[in-house]
């Protein structure tokens, strides 16, 4: 059913990507055609709504906005937040008490 030729457009490309293997290898001809048509219509609706990405869409550039949340995540490795520091101190103290004999 699906021949080894280039896809005509983005809709066909994404349809082949989703169901191409099943249509070529696993399903009989009539079921493969029905599945291909069904997924093709779904992808076509997505394209009409503007939610299907273009095949040749480039990745985002390196320029990005650094937010406070990003900074907080980066600083987690540098000592951590107050609660993380407190928990690590509790664990250290607990480990120190294991070796000590309290009478």
C-alpha atoms as a PDB file:
ATOM      1  CA  UNK A   1       0.000   0.000   0.000  1.00  0.00           C
ATOM      2  CA  UNK A   2       2.635   2.535   0.972  1.00  0.00           C
ATOM      3  CA  UNK A   3       5.333   2.736  -1.648  1.00  0.00           C
ATOM      4  CA  UNK A   4       8.855   3.951  -1.091  1.00  0.00           C
ATOM      5  CA  UNK A   5       8.327   7.371  -2.633  1.00  0.00           C
ATOM      6  CA  UNK A   6       8.556  10.763  -0.998  1.00  0.00           C
ATOM      7  CA  UNK A   7       5.461  11.985   0.823  1.00  0.00           C
ATOM      8  CA  UNK A   8       3.483  14.610  -1.060  1.00  0.00           C
ATOM      9  CA  UNK A   9       2.943  16.907   1.916  1.00  0.00           C
ATOM     10  CA  UNK A  10       3.281  17.172   5.696  1.00  0.00           C
ATOM     11  CA  UNK A  11      -0.037  15.413   6.319  1.00  0.00           C
ATOM     12  CA  UNK A  12       1.010  12.336   4.381  1.00  0.00           C
ATOM     13  CA  UNK A  13       4.461  12.410   5.976  1.00  0.00           C
ATOM     14  CA  UNK A  14       3.100  12.370   9.534  1.00  0.00           C
ATOM     15  CA  UNK A  15       0.481   9.763   8.627  1.00  0.00           C
ATOM     16  CA  UNK A  16       3.191   7.487   7.277  1.00  0.00           C
ATOM     17  CA  UNK A  17       5.280   8.075  10.378  1.00  0.00           C
ATOM     18  CA  UNK A  18       2.380   7.033  12.629  1.00  0.00           C
ATOM     19  CA  UNK A  19       0.939   4.025  10.812  1.00  0.00           C
ATOM     20  CA  UNK A  20       3.324   3.212   7.986  1.00  0.00           C
ATOM     21  CA  UNK A  21       4.820   0.107   9.556  1.00  0.00           C
ATOM     22  CA  UNK A  22       1.459  -1.353  10.517  1.00  0.00           C
ATOM     23  CA  UNK A  23       0.025  -0.649   7.071  1.00  0.00           C
ATOM     24  CA  UNK A  24       2.995  -2.215   5.268  1.00  0.00           C
ATOM     25  CA  UNK A  25       3.736  -5.192   7.471  1.00  0.00           C
ATOM     26  CA  UNK A  26       1.006  -6.114   9.937  1.00  0.00           C
ATOM     27  CA  UNK A  27      -2.413  -5.448   8.417  1.00  0.00           C
ATOM     28  CA  UNK A  28      -4.174  -6.866   5.367  1.00  0.00           C
ATOM     29  CA  UNK A  29      -4.736  -4.505   2.438  1.00  0.00           C
ATOM     30  CA  UNK A  30      -8.321  -3.427   3.237  1.00  0.00           C
ATOM     31  CA  UNK A  31      -7.670  -2.798   6.943  1.00  0.00           C
ATOM     32  CA  UNK A  32      -4.442  -0.975   6.125  1.00  0.00           C
ATOM     33  CA  UNK A  33      -6.246   1.357   3.718  1.00  0.00           C
ATOM     34  CA  UNK A  34      -8.979   2.064   6.282  1.00  0.00           C
ATOM     35  CA  UNK A  35      -6.426   2.815   9.009  1.00  0.00           C
ATOM     36  CA  UNK A  36      -4.355   5.014   6.702  1.00  0.00           C
ATOM     37  CA  UNK A  37      -7.438   6.981   5.608  1.00  0.00           C
ATOM     38  CA  UNK A  38      -8.619   7.418   9.200  1.00  0.00           C
ATOM     39  CA  UNK A  39      -5.250   8.708  10.451  1.00  0.00           C
ATOM     40  CA  UNK A  40      -4.835  10.855   7.319  1.00  0.00           C
ATOM     41  CA  UNK A  41      -8.140  12.618   8.056  1.00  0.00           C
ATOM     42  CA  UNK A  42      -7.082  13.208  11.673  1.00  0.00           C
ATOM     43  CA  UNK A  43      -3.741  14.694  10.567  1.00  0.00           C
ATOM     44  CA  UNK A  44      -5.496  16.808   7.933  1.00  0.00           C
ATOM     45  CA  UNK A  45      -7.803  18.270  10.595  1.00  0.00           C
ATOM     46  CA  UNK A  46      -4.760  19.035  12.749  1.00  0.00           C
ATOM     47  CA  UNK A  47      -3.121  20.844   9.832  1.00  0.00           C
ATOM     48  CA  UNK A  48      -6.260  22.868   9.169  1.00  0.00           C
ATOM     49  CA  UNK A  49      -6.340  23.899  12.834  1.00  0.00           C
ATOM     50  CA  UNK A  50      -2.656  24.828  12.682  1.00  0.00           C
ATOM     51  CA  UNK A  51      -1.492  22.205  15.180  1.00  0.00           C
ATOM     52  CA  UNK A  52       0.545  20.010  12.821  1.00  0.00           C
ATOM     53  CA  UNK A  53       4.190  21.139  12.734  1.00  0.00           C
ATOM     54  CA  UNK A  54       5.933  21.624   9.431  1.00  0.00           C
ATOM     55  CA  UNK A  55       8.478  18.964   8.495  1.00  0.00           C
ATOM     56  CA  UNK A  56      11.251  21.462   7.872  1.00  0.00           C
ATOM     57  CA  UNK A  57      10.658  23.481  11.034  1.00  0.00           C
ATOM     58  CA  UNK A  58      13.935  24.548  12.597  1.00  0.00           C
ATOM     59  CA  UNK A  59      14.833  24.076  16.244  1.00  0.00           C
ATOM     60  CA  UNK A  60      14.658  27.000  18.620  1.00  0.00           C
ATOM     61  CA  UNK A  61      17.701  29.205  18.889  1.00  0.00           C
ATOM     62  CA  UNK A  62      20.107  29.376  21.801  1.00  0.00           C
ATOM     63  CA  UNK A  63      18.701  32.663  23.035  1.00  0.00           C
ATOM     64  CA  UNK A  64      16.281  32.051  25.870  1.00  0.00           C
ATOM     65  CA  UNK A  65      14.912  33.940  28.832  1.00  0.00           C
ATOM     66  CA  UNK A  66      16.300  32.859  32.202  1.00  0.00           C
ATOM     67  CA  UNK A  67      13.597  32.986  34.856  1.00  0.00           C
ATOM     68  CA  UNK A  68      13.837  32.948  38.639  1.00  0.00           C
ATOM     69  CA  UNK A  69      12.741  29.329  38.616  1.00  0.00           C
ATOM     70  CA  UNK A  70      15.627  28.434  36.300  1.00  0.00           C
ATOM     71  CA  UNK A  71      18.053  30.182  38.641  1.00  0.00           C
ATOM     72  CA  UNK A  72      16.615  28.371  41.664  1.00  0.00           C
ATOM     73  CA  UNK A  73      16.993  25.003  39.940  1.00  0.00           C
ATOM     74  CA  UNK A  74      20.580  25.831  39.001  1.00  0.00           C
ATOM     75  CA  UNK A  75      21.381  26.856  42.591  1.00  0.00           C
ATOM     76  CA  UNK A  76      19.987  23.608  44.008  1.00  0.00           C
ATOM     77  CA  UNK A  77      23.313  21.921  43.359  1.00  0.00           C
ATOM     78  CA  UNK A  78      25.121  24.678  45.260  1.00  0.00           C
ATOM     79  CA  UNK A  79      23.972  23.850  48.774  1.00  0.00           C
ATOM     80  CA  UNK A  80      20.291  23.623  48.042  1.00  0.00           C
ATOM     81  CA  UNK A  81      17.315  25.316  49.595  1.00  0.00           C
ATOM     82  CA  UNK A  82      16.834  25.895  53.322  1.00  0.00           C
ATOM     83  CA  UNK A  83      14.828  22.707  53.776  1.00  0.00           C
ATOM     84  CA  UNK A  84      17.413  20.644  51.883  1.00  0.00           C
ATOM     85  CA  UNK A  85      20.241  22.036  54.024  1.00  0.00           C
ATOM     86  CA  UNK A  86      18.236  21.317  57.187  1.00  0.00           C
ATOM     87  CA  UNK A  87      17.513  17.736  56.078  1.00  0.00           C
ATOM     88  CA  UNK A  88      21.168  17.092  55.244  1.00  0.00           C
ATOM     89  CA  UNK A  89      22.168  18.397  58.711  1.00  0.00           C
ATOM     90  CA  UNK A  90      19.633  16.083  60.364  1.00  0.00           C
ATOM     91  CA  UNK A  91      20.984  13.122  58.422  1.00  0.00           C
ATOM     92  CA  UNK A  92      24.585  14.041  59.321  1.00  0.00           C
ATOM     93  CA  UNK A  93      23.667  14.353  63.011  1.00  0.00           C
ATOM     94  CA  UNK A  94      21.807  11.040  62.911  1.00  0.00           C
ATOM     95  CA  UNK A  95      24.848   9.340  61.391  1.00  0.00           C
ATOM     96  CA  UNK A  96      27.106  10.902  64.033  1.00  0.00           C
ATOM     97  CA  UNK A  97      24.848   9.635  66.843  1.00  0.00           C
ATOM     98  CA  UNK A  98      25.010   6.051  65.601  1.00  0.00           C
ATOM     99  CA  UNK A  99      28.667   5.751  66.555  1.00  0.00           C
ATOM    100  CA  UNK A 100      28.270   7.467  69.956  1.00  0.00           C
ATOM    101  CA  UNK A 101      27.196   5.550  73.059  1.00  0.00           C
ATOM    102  CA  UNK A 102      24.689   7.438  75.151  1.00  0.00           C
ATOM    103  CA  UNK A 103      24.458   6.331  78.771  1.00  0.00           C
END
